[in-house]
């Protein structure tokens, strides 16, 4: 929840002349405070894992009950885990935010590589 699309990021991307930058400049919109960059962070961490600065082991589950909470991710530490649960997984809990934002803008404004 630390990564958000802001007007500053949009303005930085709009300076680019690539198809990706033009697309974001045209269609990128801010919707209140809910402009999370979750998928973008996952892709950036895959490209450069060093932007992640803190990780923890957690037990995870997903709420599959019908209703408003369906799909919520549930997480427990070792001391809080329920009796029936799978193995722990590594969860990324912090990042170098400025490096992420720079990478995000740089990737969207960089020329498309030649095949």
N, C-alpha and C. Protein backbone atom coordinates (compact mmCIF):
# COMPACT_ATOMS: atom_id res chain seq x y z
N UNK A 1 0.82 -1.18 0.00
CA UNK A 1 0.00 0.00 0.00
C UNK A 1 0.88 1.25 0.00
N UNK A 2 2.17 1.06 -0.18
CA UNK A 2 3.09 2.19 -0.18
C UNK A 2 3.27 2.80 -1.56
N UNK A 3 2.93 2.05 -2.61
CA UNK A 3 3.14 2.54 -3.97
C UNK A 3 1.82 3.05 -4.53
N UNK A 4 1.83 4.30 -4.97
CA UNK A 4 0.61 4.90 -5.52
C UNK A 4 0.95 5.75 -6.73
N UNK A 5 0.04 5.73 -7.68
CA UNK A 5 0.15 6.63 -8.82
C UNK A 5 -0.26 8.01 -8.33
N UNK A 6 0.62 8.98 -8.51
CA UNK A 6 0.36 10.34 -8.06
C UNK A 6 0.41 11.28 -9.26
N UNK A 7 -0.03 12.50 -9.05
CA UNK A 7 0.04 13.48 -10.13
C UNK A 7 1.48 13.74 -10.53
N UNK A 8 2.39 13.74 -9.55
CA UNK A 8 3.81 13.92 -9.85
C UNK A 8 4.31 12.81 -10.79
N UNK A 9 3.96 11.56 -10.50
CA UNK A 9 4.38 10.46 -11.38
C UNK A 9 3.76 10.61 -12.77
N UNK A 10 2.48 10.94 -12.83
CA UNK A 10 1.84 11.15 -14.14
C UNK A 10 2.56 12.25 -14.92
N UNK A 11 2.88 13.34 -14.25
CA UNK A 11 3.57 14.44 -14.92
C UNK A 11 4.94 14.00 -15.43
N UNK A 12 5.66 13.20 -14.65
CA UNK A 12 6.97 12.72 -15.09
C UNK A 12 6.83 11.78 -16.28
N UNK A 13 5.82 10.94 -16.28
CA UNK A 13 5.60 10.00 -17.40
C UNK A 13 5.18 10.76 -18.66
N UNK A 14 4.39 11.81 -18.49
CA UNK A 14 3.90 12.59 -19.63
C UNK A 14 5.02 13.27 -20.41
N UNK A 15 6.20 13.38 -19.82
CA UNK A 15 7.32 13.98 -20.54
C UNK A 15 7.91 13.02 -21.57
N UNK A 16 7.57 11.75 -21.46
CA UNK A 16 8.08 10.75 -22.39
C UNK A 16 7.31 10.75 -23.70
N UNK A 17 7.95 10.24 -24.74
CA UNK A 17 7.33 10.21 -26.07
C UNK A 17 7.14 8.80 -26.59
N UNK A 18 7.25 7.82 -25.71
CA UNK A 18 7.07 6.43 -26.11
C UNK A 18 5.58 6.10 -26.16
N UNK A 19 5.22 5.02 -26.86
CA UNK A 19 3.81 4.61 -26.87
C UNK A 19 3.27 4.37 -25.45
N UNK A 20 4.07 3.76 -24.58
CA UNK A 20 3.61 3.50 -23.21
C UNK A 20 3.37 4.80 -22.46
N UNK A 21 4.27 5.76 -22.59
CA UNK A 21 4.12 7.05 -21.91
C UNK A 21 2.90 7.80 -22.46
N UNK A 22 2.72 7.77 -23.77
CA UNK A 22 1.55 8.45 -24.36
C UNK A 22 0.25 7.79 -23.90
N UNK A 23 0.25 6.47 -23.78
CA UNK A 23 -0.94 5.77 -23.30
C UNK A 23 -1.28 6.20 -21.88
N UNK A 24 -0.29 6.20 -21.00
CA UNK A 24 -0.52 6.60 -19.61
C UNK A 24 -0.94 8.07 -19.55
N UNK A 25 -0.29 8.92 -20.35
CA UNK A 25 -0.65 10.34 -20.37
C UNK A 25 -2.10 10.54 -20.81
N UNK A 26 -2.57 9.71 -21.72
CA UNK A 26 -3.93 9.84 -22.23
C UNK A 26 -4.97 9.22 -21.30
N UNK A 27 -4.68 8.03 -20.79
CA UNK A 27 -5.70 7.27 -20.06
C UNK A 27 -5.46 7.16 -18.56
N UNK A 28 -4.30 7.55 -18.09
CA UNK A 28 -4.02 7.47 -16.65
C UNK A 28 -4.88 8.46 -15.89
N UNK A 29 -5.57 7.99 -14.91
CA UNK A 29 -6.46 8.84 -14.10
C UNK A 29 -6.23 8.55 -12.63
N UNK A 30 -6.38 9.58 -11.82
CA UNK A 30 -6.29 9.42 -10.38
C UNK A 30 -7.70 9.28 -9.82
N UNK A 31 -7.89 8.31 -8.96
CA UNK A 31 -9.18 8.05 -8.34
C UNK A 31 -9.03 8.14 -6.83
N UNK A 32 -9.16 9.34 -6.29
CA UNK A 32 -9.04 9.52 -4.85
C UNK A 32 -7.69 9.03 -4.36
N UNK A 33 -7.70 8.31 -3.25
CA UNK A 33 -6.45 7.81 -2.68
C UNK A 33 -6.16 6.38 -3.10
N UNK A 34 -6.99 5.78 -3.95
CA UNK A 34 -6.85 4.37 -4.29
C UNK A 34 -6.19 4.19 -5.65
N UNK A 35 -4.96 4.57 -5.76
CA UNK A 35 -4.21 4.47 -7.00
C UNK A 35 -2.99 3.57 -6.80
N UNK A 36 -3.24 2.41 -6.23
CA UNK A 36 -2.15 1.52 -5.87
C UNK A 36 -1.46 0.96 -7.11
N UNK A 37 -0.17 0.73 -6.99
CA UNK A 37 0.64 0.17 -8.08
C UNK A 37 1.10 -1.23 -7.68
N UNK A 38 0.17 -2.07 -7.27
CA UNK A 38 0.52 -3.41 -6.81
C UNK A 38 1.12 -4.27 -7.92
N UNK A 39 0.47 -4.32 -9.06
CA UNK A 39 0.98 -5.15 -10.16
C UNK A 39 2.30 -4.61 -10.69
N UNK A 40 2.40 -3.30 -10.76
CA UNK A 40 3.63 -2.68 -11.22
C UNK A 40 4.78 -2.97 -10.27
N UNK A 41 4.50 -2.96 -8.97
CA UNK A 41 5.52 -3.30 -7.98
C UNK A 41 5.95 -4.75 -8.11
N UNK A 42 5.00 -5.64 -8.32
CA UNK A 42 5.35 -7.06 -8.49
C UNK A 42 6.26 -7.25 -9.70
N UNK A 43 5.95 -6.57 -10.80
CA UNK A 43 6.78 -6.68 -12.00
C UNK A 43 8.16 -6.07 -11.76
N UNK A 44 8.21 -4.92 -11.10
CA UNK A 44 9.50 -4.28 -10.83
C UNK A 44 10.37 -5.13 -9.91
N UNK A 45 9.76 -5.74 -8.89
CA UNK A 45 10.52 -6.60 -7.98
C UNK A 45 11.02 -7.84 -8.69
N UNK A 46 10.30 -8.30 -9.68
CA UNK A 46 10.75 -9.45 -10.47
C UNK A 46 11.95 -9.03 -11.32
N UNK A 47 11.89 -7.82 -11.90
CA UNK A 47 13.00 -7.33 -12.72
C UNK A 47 14.23 -6.99 -11.89
N UNK A 48 14.01 -6.41 -10.71
CA UNK A 48 15.12 -6.01 -9.84
C UNK A 48 14.75 -6.28 -8.39
N UNK A 49 15.00 -7.51 -7.91
CA UNK A 49 14.63 -7.86 -6.54
C UNK A 49 15.28 -6.99 -5.46
N UNK A 50 16.34 -6.27 -5.80
CA UNK A 50 17.01 -5.46 -4.79
C UNK A 50 16.20 -4.23 -4.37
N UNK A 51 15.11 -3.91 -5.07
CA UNK A 51 14.28 -2.79 -4.62
C UNK A 51 13.48 -3.16 -3.37
N UNK A 52 13.36 -4.46 -3.09
CA UNK A 52 12.68 -4.92 -1.88
C UNK A 52 13.68 -4.86 -0.74
N UNK A 53 13.33 -4.14 0.32
CA UNK A 53 14.27 -3.92 1.42
C UNK A 53 13.93 -4.73 2.67
N UNK A 54 12.75 -5.33 2.73
CA UNK A 54 12.40 -6.14 3.90
C UNK A 54 11.42 -7.24 3.49
N UNK A 55 11.64 -8.43 4.04
CA UNK A 55 10.79 -9.59 3.77
C UNK A 55 10.51 -10.28 5.10
N UNK A 56 9.37 -10.98 5.16
CA UNK A 56 9.02 -11.77 6.34
C UNK A 56 8.41 -13.08 5.86
N UNK A 57 8.51 -14.09 6.70
CA UNK A 57 7.84 -15.36 6.43
C UNK A 57 6.46 -15.29 7.08
N UNK A 58 5.44 -15.60 6.30
CA UNK A 58 4.05 -15.57 6.79
C UNK A 58 3.30 -16.79 6.29
N UNK A 59 2.25 -17.11 6.98
CA UNK A 59 1.31 -18.13 6.54
C UNK A 59 0.15 -17.39 5.87
N UNK A 60 -0.18 -17.78 4.65
CA UNK A 60 -1.19 -17.07 3.88
C UNK A 60 -2.38 -17.96 3.57
N UNK A 61 -3.51 -17.32 3.41
CA UNK A 61 -4.73 -17.97 2.96
C UNK A 61 -5.56 -16.92 2.25
N UNK A 62 -6.56 -17.37 1.52
CA UNK A 62 -7.47 -16.47 0.82
C UNK A 62 -8.88 -16.79 1.27
N UNK A 63 -9.65 -15.77 1.59
CA UNK A 63 -11.04 -15.93 2.01
C UNK A 63 -11.88 -16.27 0.78
N UNK A 64 -12.46 -17.47 0.77
CA UNK A 64 -13.28 -17.91 -0.35
C UNK A 64 -14.77 -17.92 -0.02
N UNK A 65 -15.12 -17.43 1.17
CA UNK A 65 -16.53 -17.33 1.53
C UNK A 65 -17.23 -16.35 0.59
N UNK A 66 -18.50 -16.61 0.34
CA UNK A 66 -19.26 -15.67 -0.48
C UNK A 66 -19.51 -14.41 0.32
N UNK A 67 -19.54 -13.29 -0.36
CA UNK A 67 -19.81 -12.04 0.32
C UNK A 67 -18.73 -11.00 0.10
N UNK A 68 -18.81 -9.94 0.85
CA UNK A 68 -17.94 -8.78 0.66
C UNK A 68 -16.47 -9.08 0.92
N UNK A 69 -16.16 -10.09 1.71
CA UNK A 69 -14.75 -10.37 2.04
C UNK A 69 -14.12 -11.40 1.10
N UNK A 70 -14.88 -11.92 0.16
CA UNK A 70 -14.34 -12.94 -0.76
C UNK A 70 -13.12 -12.39 -1.49
N UNK A 71 -12.06 -13.16 -1.45
CA UNK A 71 -10.82 -12.77 -2.12
C UNK A 71 -9.82 -12.06 -1.23
N UNK A 72 -10.22 -11.69 -0.03
CA UNK A 72 -9.27 -11.04 0.88
C UNK A 72 -8.13 -12.00 1.20
N UNK A 73 -6.91 -11.47 1.23
CA UNK A 73 -5.76 -12.25 1.60
C UNK A 73 -5.60 -12.19 3.11
N UNK A 74 -5.43 -13.32 3.72
CA UNK A 74 -5.25 -13.42 5.16
C UNK A 74 -3.81 -13.85 5.43
N UNK A 75 -3.18 -13.23 6.43
CA UNK A 75 -1.78 -13.55 6.73
C UNK A 75 -1.59 -13.67 8.23
N UNK A 76 -0.75 -14.64 8.62
CA UNK A 76 -0.46 -14.86 10.03
C UNK A 76 1.04 -15.05 10.23
N UNK A 77 1.51 -14.58 11.36
CA UNK A 77 2.87 -14.89 11.80
C UNK A 77 2.83 -16.27 12.44
N UNK A 78 3.98 -16.82 12.74
CA UNK A 78 4.09 -18.16 13.34
C UNK A 78 3.23 -18.28 14.61
N UNK A 79 3.28 -17.28 15.46
CA UNK A 79 2.57 -17.35 16.74
C UNK A 79 1.05 -17.26 16.59
N UNK A 80 0.55 -16.74 15.45
CA UNK A 80 -0.89 -16.51 15.26
C UNK A 80 -1.56 -17.48 14.30
N UNK A 81 -0.80 -18.36 13.67
CA UNK A 81 -1.35 -19.18 12.59
C UNK A 81 -2.45 -20.12 13.11
N UNK A 82 -3.44 -20.38 12.26
CA UNK A 82 -4.47 -21.34 12.63
C UNK A 82 -3.94 -22.76 12.63
N UNK A 83 -4.74 -23.71 13.13
CA UNK A 83 -4.31 -25.09 13.24
C UNK A 83 -4.08 -25.77 11.91
N UNK A 84 -4.88 -25.48 10.92
CA UNK A 84 -4.74 -26.11 9.60
C UNK A 84 -4.31 -25.03 8.61
N UNK A 85 -3.10 -25.14 8.14
CA UNK A 85 -2.54 -24.12 7.25
C UNK A 85 -1.39 -24.74 6.46
N UNK A 86 -1.10 -24.20 5.32
CA UNK A 86 0.00 -24.68 4.49
C UNK A 86 1.35 -24.16 4.98
N UNK A 87 2.38 -24.35 4.17
CA UNK A 87 3.73 -23.92 4.56
C UNK A 87 3.84 -22.38 4.50
N UNK A 88 4.81 -21.82 5.23
CA UNK A 88 5.00 -20.36 5.18
C UNK A 88 5.55 -19.94 3.83
N UNK A 89 5.29 -18.70 3.48
CA UNK A 89 5.79 -18.11 2.24
C UNK A 89 6.48 -16.79 2.56
N UNK A 90 7.36 -16.39 1.66
CA UNK A 90 8.06 -15.12 1.83
C UNK A 90 7.16 -13.99 1.34
N UNK A 91 6.98 -12.98 2.19
CA UNK A 91 6.15 -11.82 1.87
C UNK A 91 7.04 -10.59 1.87
N UNK A 92 6.95 -9.80 0.81
CA UNK A 92 7.72 -8.56 0.72
C UNK A 92 6.97 -7.48 1.50
N UNK A 93 7.63 -6.85 2.45
CA UNK A 93 6.94 -5.89 3.32
C UNK A 93 7.48 -4.47 3.25
N UNK A 94 8.58 -4.24 2.55
CA UNK A 94 9.07 -2.87 2.39
C UNK A 94 9.92 -2.78 1.14
N UNK A 95 10.09 -1.55 0.66
CA UNK A 95 10.84 -1.33 -0.57
C UNK A 95 11.52 0.01 -0.55
N UNK A 96 12.45 0.18 -1.48
CA UNK A 96 13.07 1.48 -1.71
C UNK A 96 12.13 2.23 -2.65
N UNK A 97 11.26 3.04 -2.06
CA UNK A 97 10.17 3.66 -2.80
C UNK A 97 10.67 4.57 -3.92
N UNK A 98 11.67 5.37 -3.66
CA UNK A 98 12.17 6.28 -4.70
C UNK A 98 12.79 5.52 -5.87
N UNK A 99 13.51 4.44 -5.57
CA UNK A 99 14.07 3.61 -6.66
C UNK A 99 12.96 2.98 -7.48
N UNK A 100 11.90 2.52 -6.81
CA UNK A 100 10.77 1.96 -7.53
C UNK A 100 10.14 3.00 -8.44
N UNK A 101 9.87 4.20 -7.93
CA UNK A 101 9.23 5.23 -8.75
C UNK A 101 10.12 5.62 -9.93
N UNK A 102 11.43 5.71 -9.69
CA UNK A 102 12.35 6.03 -10.80
C UNK A 102 12.31 4.93 -11.85
N UNK A 103 12.35 3.69 -11.41
CA UNK A 103 12.30 2.56 -12.34
C UNK A 103 11.00 2.58 -13.13
N UNK A 104 9.89 2.82 -12.46
CA UNK A 104 8.57 2.88 -13.09
C UNK A 104 8.54 3.93 -14.19
N UNK A 105 8.99 5.14 -13.88
CA UNK A 105 9.01 6.22 -14.87
C UNK A 105 10.00 5.89 -15.99
N UNK A 106 11.19 5.44 -15.63
CA UNK A 106 12.21 5.12 -16.64
C UNK A 106 11.72 4.06 -17.62
N UNK A 107 11.06 3.02 -17.12
CA UNK A 107 10.58 1.96 -18.01
C UNK A 107 9.48 2.45 -18.95
N UNK A 108 8.61 3.31 -18.46
CA UNK A 108 7.52 3.80 -19.30
C UNK A 108 7.98 4.84 -20.31
N UNK A 109 9.07 5.50 -20.05
CA UNK A 109 9.54 6.55 -20.95
C UNK A 109 10.74 6.15 -21.79
N UNK A 110 11.27 4.95 -21.56
CA UNK A 110 12.43 4.47 -22.33
C UNK A 110 12.01 4.03 -23.72
N UNK A 111 12.87 4.21 -24.70
CA UNK A 111 12.53 3.74 -26.04
C UNK A 111 12.29 2.23 -26.06
N UNK A 112 11.40 1.80 -26.91
CA UNK A 112 11.12 0.38 -27.07
C UNK A 112 12.33 -0.29 -27.69
N UNK A 113 12.83 -1.37 -27.09
CA UNK A 113 14.01 -2.06 -27.65
C UNK A 113 13.71 -2.62 -29.04
N UNK A 114 14.69 -2.62 -29.87
CA UNK A 114 14.57 -3.21 -31.22
C UNK A 114 14.54 -4.73 -31.09
N UNK A 115 13.78 -5.42 -31.96
CA UNK A 115 13.74 -6.90 -31.89
C UNK A 115 15.07 -7.51 -32.30
